[in-house]
Amino acid sequence: MHEFRRDPVQKAIYGKHGIMNAVEVLFQNECFIPGIMMMLCGIDVMSNLGRPEGNPENTPADFKDWVRRYIRIPGDRVLTPDDLWSTRNAMLHTYGVFSKDVRAGKARIITWVPNPRLPVRHDPASDPRLVMVDPFAFKAAFSNGVRDFLCSSLASEEKRPLLEKRLNELITYLPFTF
């Protein structure tokens, strides 16, 4: 455990067994949906690390606030934190697209369609409930968001102690040696 405590950002987030490497490995092997699922889990992790000190647990509002602050896809004026929360729930709980919020009309369905020229597309005339997102643009936005979140939080004298405490509580993989 001592090795982990020296650099929890490296071990749990950027290291060989961390979130960011898992996303890279999945994308390199064309496992795009599991890679997207890992990023949605990563947003849960980041929003938990950044939640206010008085909050005893991570909430949907924490997830949405983190998305609002840190997920930036160039040219996007369509994708909402509610859409990503709904997608997270649908994908992680049912490996599908229909969450409770989609069925209630509170969020739209996200489909993952590569298109580097138009990374987020929405045509209300065709289907008002559908948003198409380029998984590679989302991956870049997630990576940049994690970097920006960690840099700003670790640079803040107010936020750093709580972030360091929570980082040290993250799970990590340590190899067993004889």
N, C-alpha and C. Protein backbone atom coordinates (compact mmCIF):
# COMPACT_ATOMS: atom_id res chain seq x y z
N MET A 1 0.82 -1.20 0.00
CA MET A 1 0.00 0.00 0.00
C MET A 1 0.86 1.25 0.00
N HIS A 2 2.06 1.18 0.55
CA HIS A 2 2.95 2.32 0.63
C HIS A 2 3.22 2.90 -0.77
N GLU A 3 3.49 2.05 -1.76
CA GLU A 3 3.77 2.51 -3.12
C GLU A 3 2.60 3.31 -3.68
N PHE A 4 1.37 2.84 -3.44
CA PHE A 4 0.18 3.55 -3.91
C PHE A 4 0.08 4.93 -3.29
N ARG A 5 0.30 5.02 -2.03
CA ARG A 5 0.13 6.28 -1.32
C ARG A 5 1.12 7.34 -1.80
N ARG A 6 2.23 6.93 -2.39
CA ARG A 6 3.18 7.92 -2.88
C ARG A 6 2.64 8.69 -4.08
N ASP A 7 1.86 8.05 -4.93
CA ASP A 7 1.34 8.74 -6.10
C ASP A 7 0.00 8.14 -6.53
N PRO A 8 -1.07 8.50 -5.83
CA PRO A 8 -2.37 7.93 -6.17
C PRO A 8 -2.90 8.37 -7.53
N VAL A 9 -2.51 9.54 -8.00
CA VAL A 9 -2.96 9.99 -9.32
C VAL A 9 -2.39 9.05 -10.38
N GLN A 10 -1.10 8.74 -10.26
CA GLN A 10 -0.47 7.83 -11.21
C GLN A 10 -1.08 6.43 -11.11
N LYS A 11 -1.20 5.92 -9.92
CA LYS A 11 -1.67 4.54 -9.74
C LYS A 11 -3.12 4.35 -10.19
N ALA A 12 -4.02 5.21 -9.73
CA ALA A 12 -5.45 4.97 -9.97
C ALA A 12 -5.99 5.63 -11.23
N ILE A 13 -5.31 6.65 -11.70
CA ILE A 13 -5.88 7.39 -12.84
C ILE A 13 -5.04 7.23 -14.11
N TYR A 14 -3.74 7.49 -14.04
CA TYR A 14 -2.92 7.50 -15.25
C TYR A 14 -2.01 6.28 -15.42
N GLY A 15 -1.82 5.50 -14.40
CA GLY A 15 -0.90 4.38 -14.48
C GLY A 15 -1.41 3.21 -15.30
N LYS A 16 -0.61 2.17 -15.37
CA LYS A 16 -0.93 0.99 -16.18
C LYS A 16 -2.30 0.40 -15.83
N HIS A 17 -2.66 0.42 -14.57
CA HIS A 17 -3.92 -0.16 -14.13
C HIS A 17 -4.98 0.90 -13.82
N GLY A 18 -4.75 2.13 -14.29
CA GLY A 18 -5.65 3.24 -14.00
C GLY A 18 -6.74 3.42 -15.04
N ILE A 19 -7.63 4.33 -14.74
CA ILE A 19 -8.80 4.62 -15.57
C ILE A 19 -8.40 5.04 -16.98
N MET A 20 -7.47 5.97 -17.09
CA MET A 20 -7.11 6.51 -18.41
C MET A 20 -6.47 5.44 -19.29
N ASN A 21 -5.63 4.59 -18.72
CA ASN A 21 -5.03 3.52 -19.52
C ASN A 21 -6.09 2.51 -19.94
N ALA A 22 -7.04 2.23 -19.07
CA ALA A 22 -8.11 1.30 -19.43
C ALA A 22 -8.88 1.82 -20.64
N VAL A 23 -9.17 3.10 -20.66
CA VAL A 23 -9.86 3.70 -21.81
C VAL A 23 -9.01 3.54 -23.07
N GLU A 24 -7.72 3.84 -22.96
CA GLU A 24 -6.82 3.72 -24.11
C GLU A 24 -6.78 2.29 -24.65
N VAL A 25 -6.62 1.33 -23.76
CA VAL A 25 -6.55 -0.08 -24.17
C VAL A 25 -7.85 -0.50 -24.86
N LEU A 26 -8.97 -0.11 -24.30
CA LEU A 26 -10.26 -0.46 -24.91
C LEU A 26 -10.41 0.16 -26.29
N PHE A 27 -10.06 1.42 -26.44
CA PHE A 27 -10.17 2.08 -27.75
C PHE A 27 -9.18 1.48 -28.76
N GLN A 28 -7.97 1.20 -28.31
CA GLN A 28 -6.99 0.60 -29.22
C GLN A 28 -7.46 -0.75 -29.75
N ASN A 29 -8.25 -1.45 -28.95
CA ASN A 29 -8.77 -2.75 -29.36
C ASN A 29 -10.18 -2.66 -29.93
N GLU A 30 -10.59 -1.45 -30.29
CA GLU A 30 -11.89 -1.18 -30.91
C GLU A 30 -13.07 -1.62 -30.05
N CYS A 31 -12.87 -1.60 -28.76
CA CYS A 31 -13.94 -1.89 -27.80
C CYS A 31 -14.51 -0.54 -27.35
N PHE A 32 -15.16 0.15 -28.29
CA PHE A 32 -15.56 1.53 -28.06
C PHE A 32 -16.65 1.67 -27.00
N ILE A 33 -17.65 0.80 -27.02
CA ILE A 33 -18.72 0.92 -26.03
C ILE A 33 -18.19 0.66 -24.62
N PRO A 34 -17.41 -0.41 -24.37
CA PRO A 34 -16.82 -0.55 -23.04
C PRO A 34 -15.90 0.63 -22.68
N GLY A 35 -15.20 1.20 -23.68
CA GLY A 35 -14.37 2.37 -23.41
C GLY A 35 -15.20 3.57 -22.98
N ILE A 36 -16.34 3.76 -23.63
CA ILE A 36 -17.25 4.85 -23.25
C ILE A 36 -17.80 4.59 -21.86
N MET A 37 -18.14 3.34 -21.58
CA MET A 37 -18.63 3.00 -20.25
C MET A 37 -17.57 3.30 -19.19
N MET A 38 -16.31 3.01 -19.50
CA MET A 38 -15.22 3.31 -18.56
C MET A 38 -15.10 4.81 -18.33
N MET A 39 -15.30 5.60 -19.39
CA MET A 39 -15.24 7.06 -19.21
C MET A 39 -16.41 7.55 -18.35
N LEU A 40 -17.58 6.99 -18.54
CA LEU A 40 -18.73 7.38 -17.71
C LEU A 40 -18.47 7.01 -16.26
N CYS A 41 -17.87 5.85 -16.02
CA CYS A 41 -17.44 5.49 -14.65
C CYS A 41 -16.39 6.48 -14.16
N GLY A 42 -15.49 6.87 -15.07
CA GLY A 42 -14.46 7.84 -14.71
C GLY A 42 -15.04 9.18 -14.30
N ILE A 43 -16.12 9.59 -14.95
CA ILE A 43 -16.79 10.83 -14.55
C ILE A 43 -17.35 10.66 -13.14
N ASP A 44 -17.91 9.49 -12.86
CA ASP A 44 -18.37 9.22 -11.49
C ASP A 44 -17.22 9.37 -10.50
N VAL A 45 -16.07 8.79 -10.82
CA VAL A 45 -14.91 8.86 -9.93
C VAL A 45 -14.47 10.31 -9.74
N MET A 46 -14.34 11.06 -10.85
CA MET A 46 -13.88 12.45 -10.76
C MET A 46 -14.88 13.31 -9.98
N SER A 47 -16.17 13.10 -10.23
CA SER A 47 -17.17 13.91 -9.52
C SER A 47 -17.20 13.55 -8.04
N ASN A 48 -16.88 12.31 -7.72
CA ASN A 48 -16.78 11.91 -6.31
C ASN A 48 -15.56 12.57 -5.66
N LEU A 49 -14.46 12.60 -6.38
CA LEU A 49 -13.26 13.25 -5.84
C LEU A 49 -13.51 14.74 -5.59
N GLY A 50 -14.31 15.36 -6.43
CA GLY A 50 -14.53 16.80 -6.33
C GLY A 50 -15.77 17.23 -5.58
N ARG A 51 -16.56 16.27 -5.08
CA ARG A 51 -17.80 16.66 -4.39
C ARG A 51 -17.49 17.48 -3.16
N PRO A 52 -18.40 18.35 -2.78
CA PRO A 52 -18.19 19.19 -1.59
C PRO A 52 -17.96 18.35 -0.34
N GLU A 53 -17.17 18.88 0.57
CA GLU A 53 -16.77 18.15 1.76
C GLU A 53 -17.96 17.68 2.61
N GLY A 54 -19.01 18.46 2.68
CA GLY A 54 -20.15 18.09 3.51
C GLY A 54 -21.03 17.00 2.92
N ASN A 55 -20.88 16.72 1.63
CA ASN A 55 -21.70 15.68 0.99
C ASN A 55 -21.15 14.30 1.35
N PRO A 56 -21.95 13.46 2.00
CA PRO A 56 -21.44 12.15 2.41
C PRO A 56 -21.24 11.16 1.25
N GLU A 57 -21.91 11.41 0.13
CA GLU A 57 -21.75 10.50 -1.01
C GLU A 57 -21.97 11.26 -2.31
N ASN A 58 -21.48 10.66 -3.39
CA ASN A 58 -21.62 11.23 -4.72
C ASN A 58 -23.09 11.17 -5.16
N THR A 59 -23.56 12.21 -5.83
CA THR A 59 -24.95 12.27 -6.25
C THR A 59 -25.04 12.51 -7.76
N PRO A 60 -26.22 12.33 -8.34
CA PRO A 60 -26.39 12.70 -9.75
C PRO A 60 -26.03 14.17 -10.01
N ALA A 61 -26.34 15.04 -9.06
CA ALA A 61 -26.00 16.46 -9.22
C ALA A 61 -24.49 16.66 -9.30
N ASP A 62 -23.72 15.89 -8.52
CA ASP A 62 -22.26 15.98 -8.58
C ASP A 62 -21.75 15.57 -9.96
N PHE A 63 -22.29 14.48 -10.49
CA PHE A 63 -21.93 14.00 -11.84
C PHE A 63 -22.22 15.09 -12.87
N LYS A 64 -23.42 15.63 -12.83
CA LYS A 64 -23.83 16.64 -13.81
C LYS A 64 -23.02 17.92 -13.67
N ASP A 65 -22.72 18.32 -12.45
CA ASP A 65 -21.89 19.52 -12.24
C ASP A 65 -20.49 19.31 -12.84
N TRP A 66 -19.92 18.12 -12.63
CA TRP A 66 -18.60 17.83 -13.17
C TRP A 66 -18.64 17.88 -14.70
N VAL A 67 -19.64 17.27 -15.30
CA VAL A 67 -19.79 17.30 -16.76
C VAL A 67 -19.91 18.75 -17.24
N ARG A 68 -20.73 19.53 -16.58
CA ARG A 68 -20.95 20.94 -16.97
C ARG A 68 -19.63 21.71 -16.94
N ARG A 69 -18.80 21.44 -15.94
CA ARG A 69 -17.56 22.19 -15.79
C ARG A 69 -16.42 21.69 -16.67
N TYR A 70 -16.36 20.37 -16.93
CA TYR A 70 -15.14 19.82 -17.51
C TYR A 70 -15.27 19.12 -18.86
N ILE A 71 -16.46 18.76 -19.30
CA ILE A 71 -16.58 18.10 -20.60
C ILE A 71 -16.86 19.15 -21.66
N ARG A 72 -15.90 19.33 -22.54
CA ARG A 72 -16.00 20.32 -23.62
C ARG A 72 -15.69 19.64 -24.95
N ILE A 73 -16.67 19.54 -25.81
CA ILE A 73 -16.48 19.00 -27.15
C ILE A 73 -16.58 20.17 -28.12
N PRO A 74 -15.55 20.41 -28.93
CA PRO A 74 -15.58 21.55 -29.84
C PRO A 74 -16.83 21.57 -30.72
N GLY A 75 -17.46 22.73 -30.79
CA GLY A 75 -18.64 22.91 -31.62
C GLY A 75 -19.93 22.41 -31.02
N ASP A 76 -19.86 21.83 -29.81
CA ASP A 76 -21.06 21.26 -29.20
C ASP A 76 -21.88 22.33 -28.49
N ARG A 77 -23.15 22.42 -28.87
CA ARG A 77 -24.10 23.28 -28.18
C ARG A 77 -25.36 22.48 -27.87
N VAL A 78 -25.25 21.17 -27.92
CA VAL A 78 -26.42 20.30 -27.85
C VAL A 78 -26.40 19.37 -26.63
N LEU A 79 -25.29 18.71 -26.43
CA LEU A 79 -25.17 17.67 -25.40
C LEU A 79 -25.31 18.28 -24.01
N THR A 80 -26.14 17.68 -23.18
CA THR A 80 -26.37 18.22 -21.84
C THR A 80 -25.88 17.24 -20.77
N PRO A 81 -25.61 17.74 -19.56
CA PRO A 81 -25.28 16.85 -18.46
C PRO A 81 -26.39 15.82 -18.19
N ASP A 82 -27.66 16.22 -18.40
CA ASP A 82 -28.77 15.28 -18.22
C ASP A 82 -28.69 14.14 -19.24
N ASP A 83 -28.32 14.46 -20.48
CA ASP A 83 -28.17 13.43 -21.51
C ASP A 83 -27.08 12.44 -21.12
N LEU A 84 -25.94 12.96 -20.63
CA LEU A 84 -24.84 12.07 -20.25
C LEU A 84 -25.18 11.25 -19.00
N TRP A 85 -25.89 11.84 -18.05
CA TRP A 85 -26.31 11.09 -16.86
C TRP A 85 -27.24 9.95 -17.27
N SER A 86 -28.17 10.25 -18.14
CA SER A 86 -29.11 9.26 -18.62
C SER A 86 -28.39 8.14 -19.38
N THR A 87 -27.44 8.53 -20.22
CA THR A 87 -26.66 7.55 -20.97
C THR A 87 -25.85 6.68 -20.03
N ARG A 88 -25.25 7.29 -19.03
CA ARG A 88 -24.51 6.54 -18.02
C ARG A 88 -25.40 5.47 -17.40
N ASN A 89 -26.59 5.86 -17.00
CA ASN A 89 -27.50 4.91 -16.35
C ASN A 89 -27.91 3.79 -17.30
N ALA A 90 -28.27 4.14 -18.52
CA ALA A 90 -28.70 3.14 -19.49
C ALA A 90 -27.57 2.17 -19.82
N MET A 91 -26.38 2.70 -20.09
CA MET A 91 -25.27 1.85 -20.49
C MET A 91 -24.77 0.98 -19.34
N LEU A 92 -24.58 1.56 -18.18
CA LEU A 92 -23.99 0.81 -17.06
C LEU A 92 -24.97 -0.17 -16.42
N HIS A 93 -26.25 0.15 -16.46
CA HIS A 93 -27.21 -0.73 -15.80
C HIS A 93 -27.86 -1.74 -16.73
N THR A 94 -28.00 -1.38 -18.01
CA THR A 94 -28.70 -2.30 -18.92
C THR A 94 -27.95 -2.56 -20.22
N TYR A 95 -26.79 -1.92 -20.41
CA TYR A 95 -26.04 -2.00 -21.67
C TYR A 95 -26.95 -1.62 -22.82
N GLY A 96 -27.77 -0.60 -22.55
CA GLY A 96 -28.75 -0.15 -23.54
C GLY A 96 -28.75 1.35 -23.67
N VAL A 97 -29.80 1.89 -24.30
CA VAL A 97 -29.91 3.33 -24.52
C VAL A 97 -31.12 3.95 -23.82
N PHE A 98 -32.04 3.13 -23.32
CA PHE A 98 -33.26 3.66 -22.73
C PHE A 98 -33.18 3.66 -21.20
N SER A 99 -32.95 4.83 -20.65
CA SER A 99 -32.96 4.98 -19.20
C SER A 99 -34.34 5.46 -18.77
N LYS A 100 -34.53 5.54 -17.48
CA LYS A 100 -35.78 6.07 -16.93
C LYS A 100 -35.99 7.51 -17.41
N ASP A 101 -34.91 8.30 -17.46
CA ASP A 101 -35.03 9.70 -17.89
C ASP A 101 -35.38 9.82 -19.37
N VAL A 102 -34.89 8.92 -20.21
CA VAL A 102 -35.26 8.93 -21.63
C VAL A 102 -36.74 8.61 -21.77
N ARG A 103 -37.19 7.58 -21.07
CA ARG A 103 -38.60 7.19 -21.15
C ARG A 103 -39.52 8.30 -20.64
N ALA A 104 -39.04 9.08 -19.67
CA ALA A 104 -39.84 10.18 -19.12
C ALA A 104 -39.71 11.47 -19.93
N GLY A 105 -38.88 11.47 -20.96
CA GLY A 105 -38.70 12.66 -21.78
C GLY A 105 -37.79 13.71 -21.15
N LYS A 106 -37.02 13.35 -20.13
CA LYS A 106 -36.13 14.30 -19.45
C LYS A 106 -34.73 14.34 -20.06
N ALA A 107 -34.42 13.35 -20.90
CA ALA A 107 -33.10 13.29 -21.53
C ALA A 107 -33.24 12.63 -22.89
N ARG A 108 -32.20 12.81 -23.69
CA ARG A 108 -32.21 12.22 -25.03
C ARG A 108 -31.29 11.01 -25.10
N ILE A 109 -31.51 10.21 -26.11
CA ILE A 109 -30.69 9.03 -26.37
C ILE A 109 -29.40 9.49 -27.03
N ILE A 110 -28.28 8.99 -26.52
CA ILE A 110 -27.00 9.24 -27.19
C ILE A 110 -26.61 7.98 -27.93
N THR A 111 -26.31 8.15 -29.21
CA THR A 111 -25.72 7.06 -29.98
C THR A 111 -24.31 7.49 -30.31
N TRP A 112 -23.43 6.53 -30.44
CA TRP A 112 -22.01 6.80 -30.63
C TRP A 112 -21.64 6.53 -32.07
N VAL A 113 -21.40 7.61 -32.82
CA VAL A 113 -21.15 7.53 -34.26
C VAL A 113 -19.92 8.36 -34.58
N PRO A 114 -18.83 7.73 -35.04
CA PRO A 114 -17.64 8.51 -35.38
C PRO A 114 -17.91 9.51 -36.49
N ASN A 115 -17.51 10.76 -36.26
CA ASN A 115 -17.61 11.80 -37.26
C ASN A 115 -16.72 12.96 -36.81
N PRO A 116 -15.45 12.95 -37.21
CA PRO A 116 -14.55 13.99 -36.74
C PRO A 116 -14.91 15.40 -37.22
N ARG A 117 -15.67 15.52 -38.31
CA ARG A 117 -16.05 16.84 -38.82
C ARG A 117 -17.18 17.46 -38.01
N LEU A 118 -18.06 16.63 -37.46
CA LEU A 118 -19.19 17.12 -36.68
C LEU A 118 -19.35 16.18 -35.47
N PRO A 119 -18.61 16.44 -34.40
CA PRO A 119 -18.57 15.48 -33.30
C PRO A 119 -19.86 15.31 -32.50
N VAL A 120 -20.73 16.31 -32.52
CA VAL A 120 -22.03 16.17 -31.86
C VAL A 120 -23.09 16.63 -32.86
N ARG A 121 -24.03 15.72 -33.15
CA ARG A 121 -25.07 16.02 -34.12
C ARG A 121 -26.45 15.76 -33.52
N HIS A 122 -27.35 16.67 -33.85
CA HIS A 122 -28.73 16.53 -33.40
C HIS A 122 -29.64 17.16 -34.46
N ASP A 123 -30.57 16.37 -34.97
CA ASP A 123 -31.51 16.86 -35.97
C ASP A 123 -32.92 16.67 -35.42
N PRO A 124 -33.46 17.68 -34.74
CA PRO A 124 -34.78 17.54 -34.12
C PRO A 124 -35.88 17.20 -35.12
N ALA A 125 -35.74 17.62 -36.37
CA ALA A 125 -36.76 17.31 -37.38
C ALA A 125 -36.78 15.81 -37.68
N SER A 126 -35.63 15.20 -37.64
CA SER A 126 -35.53 13.76 -37.92
C SER A 126 -35.93 12.94 -36.69
N ASP A 127 -35.30 13.23 -35.54
CA ASP A 127 -35.62 12.54 -34.29
C ASP A 127 -35.21 13.43 -33.13
N PRO A 128 -36.16 14.08 -32.47
CA PRO A 128 -35.82 15.01 -31.39
C PRO A 128 -35.20 14.33 -30.17
N ARG A 129 -35.35 13.01 -30.06
CA ARG A 129 -34.82 12.30 -28.89
C ARG A 129 -33.41 11.76 -29.09
N LEU A 130 -32.80 12.01 -30.24
CA LEU A 130 -31.52 11.39 -30.57
C LEU A 130 -30.40 12.41 -30.71
N VAL A 131 -29.27 12.13 -30.07
CA VAL A 131 -28.05 12.92 -30.21
C VAL A 131 -26.95 11.94 -30.61
N MET A 132 -26.22 12.26 -31.67
CA MET A 132 -25.12 11.42 -32.11
C MET A 132 -23.81 12.06 -31.67
N VAL A 133 -22.96 11.28 -31.01
CA VAL A 133 -21.70 11.80 -30.47
C VAL A 133 -20.55 10.95 -31.00
N ASP A 134 -19.51 11.62 -31.45
CA ASP A 134 -18.30 10.94 -31.89
C ASP A 134 -17.57 10.43 -30.64
N PRO A 135 -17.36 9.12 -30.52
CA PRO A 135 -16.70 8.58 -29.33
C PRO A 135 -15.27 9.10 -29.15
N PHE A 136 -14.59 9.41 -30.25
CA PHE A 136 -13.22 9.91 -30.16
C PHE A 136 -13.20 11.35 -29.64
N ALA A 137 -14.18 12.14 -30.03
CA ALA A 137 -14.30 13.51 -29.50
C ALA A 137 -14.65 13.46 -28.01
N PHE A 138 -15.51 12.52 -27.64
CA PHE A 138 -15.86 12.37 -26.23
C PHE A 138 -14.65 11.93 -25.42
N LYS A 139 -13.87 11.03 -25.97
CA LYS A 139 -12.65 10.56 -25.30
C LYS A 139 -11.68 11.72 -25.08
N ALA A 140 -11.49 12.56 -26.10
CA ALA A 140 -10.62 13.73 -25.96
C ALA A 140 -11.17 14.69 -24.90
N ALA A 141 -12.47 14.91 -24.91
CA ALA A 141 -13.08 15.81 -23.93
C ALA A 141 -12.94 15.26 -22.51
N PHE A 142 -13.11 13.95 -22.36
CA PHE A 142 -12.95 13.33 -21.05
C PHE A 142 -11.49 13.47 -20.57
N SER A 143 -10.56 13.15 -21.44
CA SER A 143 -9.14 13.24 -21.08
C SER A 143 -8.77 14.65 -20.67
N ASN A 144 -9.19 15.64 -21.45
CA ASN A 144 -8.92 17.03 -21.12
C ASN A 144 -9.61 17.44 -19.82
N GLY A 145 -10.84 16.95 -19.63
CA GLY A 145 -11.57 17.27 -18.42
C GLY A 145 -10.90 16.72 -17.17
N VAL A 146 -10.42 15.48 -17.24
CA VAL A 146 -9.71 14.89 -16.10
C VAL A 146 -8.46 15.71 -15.80
N ARG A 147 -7.70 16.03 -16.83
CA ARG A 147 -6.47 16.82 -16.64
C ARG A 147 -6.80 18.18 -16.01
N ASP A 148 -7.79 18.87 -16.56
CA ASP A 148 -8.14 20.20 -16.05
C ASP A 148 -8.64 20.13 -14.61
N PHE A 149 -9.47 19.13 -14.33
CA PHE A 149 -9.98 18.95 -12.97
C PHE A 149 -8.84 18.71 -11.98
N LEU A 150 -7.96 17.77 -12.30
CA LEU A 150 -6.87 17.45 -11.38
C LEU A 150 -5.92 18.64 -11.21
N CYS A 151 -5.58 19.30 -12.30
CA CYS A 151 -4.67 20.46 -12.20
C CYS A 151 -5.27 21.57 -11.35
N SER A 152 -6.53 21.90 -11.61
CA SER A 152 -7.14 23.00 -10.85
C SER A 152 -7.36 22.62 -9.39
N SER A 153 -7.74 21.39 -9.14
CA SER A 153 -7.99 20.96 -7.76
C SER A 153 -6.70 20.85 -6.96
N LEU A 154 -5.66 20.30 -7.58
CA LEU A 154 -4.39 20.16 -6.87
C LEU A 154 -3.69 21.51 -6.68
N ALA A 155 -4.00 22.48 -7.53
CA ALA A 155 -3.42 23.82 -7.40
C ALA A 155 -4.13 24.67 -6.36
N SER A 156 -5.32 24.24 -5.95
CA SER A 156 -6.11 25.00 -4.99
C SER A 156 -5.75 24.62 -3.56
N GLU A 157 -5.30 25.61 -2.79
CA GLU A 157 -4.96 25.34 -1.38
C GLU A 157 -6.18 24.86 -0.61
N GLU A 158 -7.36 25.31 -1.02
CA GLU A 158 -8.59 24.92 -0.35
C GLU A 158 -9.01 23.49 -0.70
N LYS A 159 -8.91 23.12 -1.98
CA LYS A 159 -9.40 21.83 -2.46
C LYS A 159 -8.39 20.69 -2.33
N ARG A 160 -7.12 21.01 -2.37
CA ARG A 160 -6.07 19.98 -2.43
C ARG A 160 -6.12 18.97 -1.28
N PRO A 161 -6.24 19.39 -0.01
CA PRO A 161 -6.23 18.39 1.07
C PRO A 161 -7.35 17.35 0.96
N LEU A 162 -8.55 17.80 0.63
CA LEU A 162 -9.67 16.87 0.49
C LEU A 162 -9.46 15.96 -0.72
N LEU A 163 -8.98 16.53 -1.82
CA LEU A 163 -8.71 15.71 -3.01
C LEU A 163 -7.65 14.66 -2.70
N GLU A 164 -6.58 15.05 -2.03
CA GLU A 164 -5.53 14.08 -1.70
C GLU A 164 -6.06 12.97 -0.79
N LYS A 165 -6.90 13.33 0.17
CA LYS A 165 -7.50 12.33 1.05
C LYS A 165 -8.32 11.34 0.24
N ARG A 166 -9.16 11.85 -0.65
CA ARG A 166 -10.02 10.98 -1.45
C ARG A 166 -9.22 10.17 -2.47
N LEU A 167 -8.18 10.75 -3.03
CA LEU A 167 -7.33 9.99 -3.95
C LEU A 167 -6.72 8.78 -3.27
N ASN A 168 -6.34 8.95 -2.02
CA ASN A 168 -5.74 7.84 -1.27
C ASN A 168 -6.75 6.76 -0.90
N GLU A 169 -8.02 7.02 -1.12
CA GLU A 169 -9.06 6.02 -0.85
C GLU A 169 -9.44 5.23 -2.10
N LEU A 170 -8.89 5.62 -3.27
CA LEU A 170 -9.22 4.92 -4.51
C LEU A 170 -8.62 3.53 -4.52
N ILE A 171 -9.30 2.64 -5.20
CA ILE A 171 -8.81 1.28 -5.34
C ILE A 171 -7.62 1.27 -6.30
N THR A 172 -6.75 0.36 -6.09
CA THR A 172 -5.62 0.22 -7.00
C THR A 172 -5.25 -1.25 -7.09
N TYR A 173 -4.49 -1.55 -8.10
CA TYR A 173 -4.02 -2.92 -8.32
C TYR A 173 -2.54 -2.96 -7.97
N LEU A 174 -2.19 -3.81 -7.06
CA LEU A 174 -0.80 -4.04 -6.73
C LEU A 174 -0.49 -5.50 -7.00
N PRO A 175 0.52 -5.76 -7.80
CA PRO A 175 0.83 -7.16 -8.12
C PRO A 175 1.30 -7.94 -6.89
N PHE A 176 0.94 -9.18 -6.86
CA PHE A 176 1.38 -10.06 -5.78
C PHE A 176 2.75 -10.59 -6.16
N THR A 177 3.68 -10.45 -5.26
CA THR A 177 5.02 -10.98 -5.51
C THR A 177 5.39 -11.95 -4.40
N PHE A 178 6.13 -12.95 -4.77
CA PHE A 178 6.58 -13.97 -3.79
C PHE A 178 7.85 -13.53 -3.13
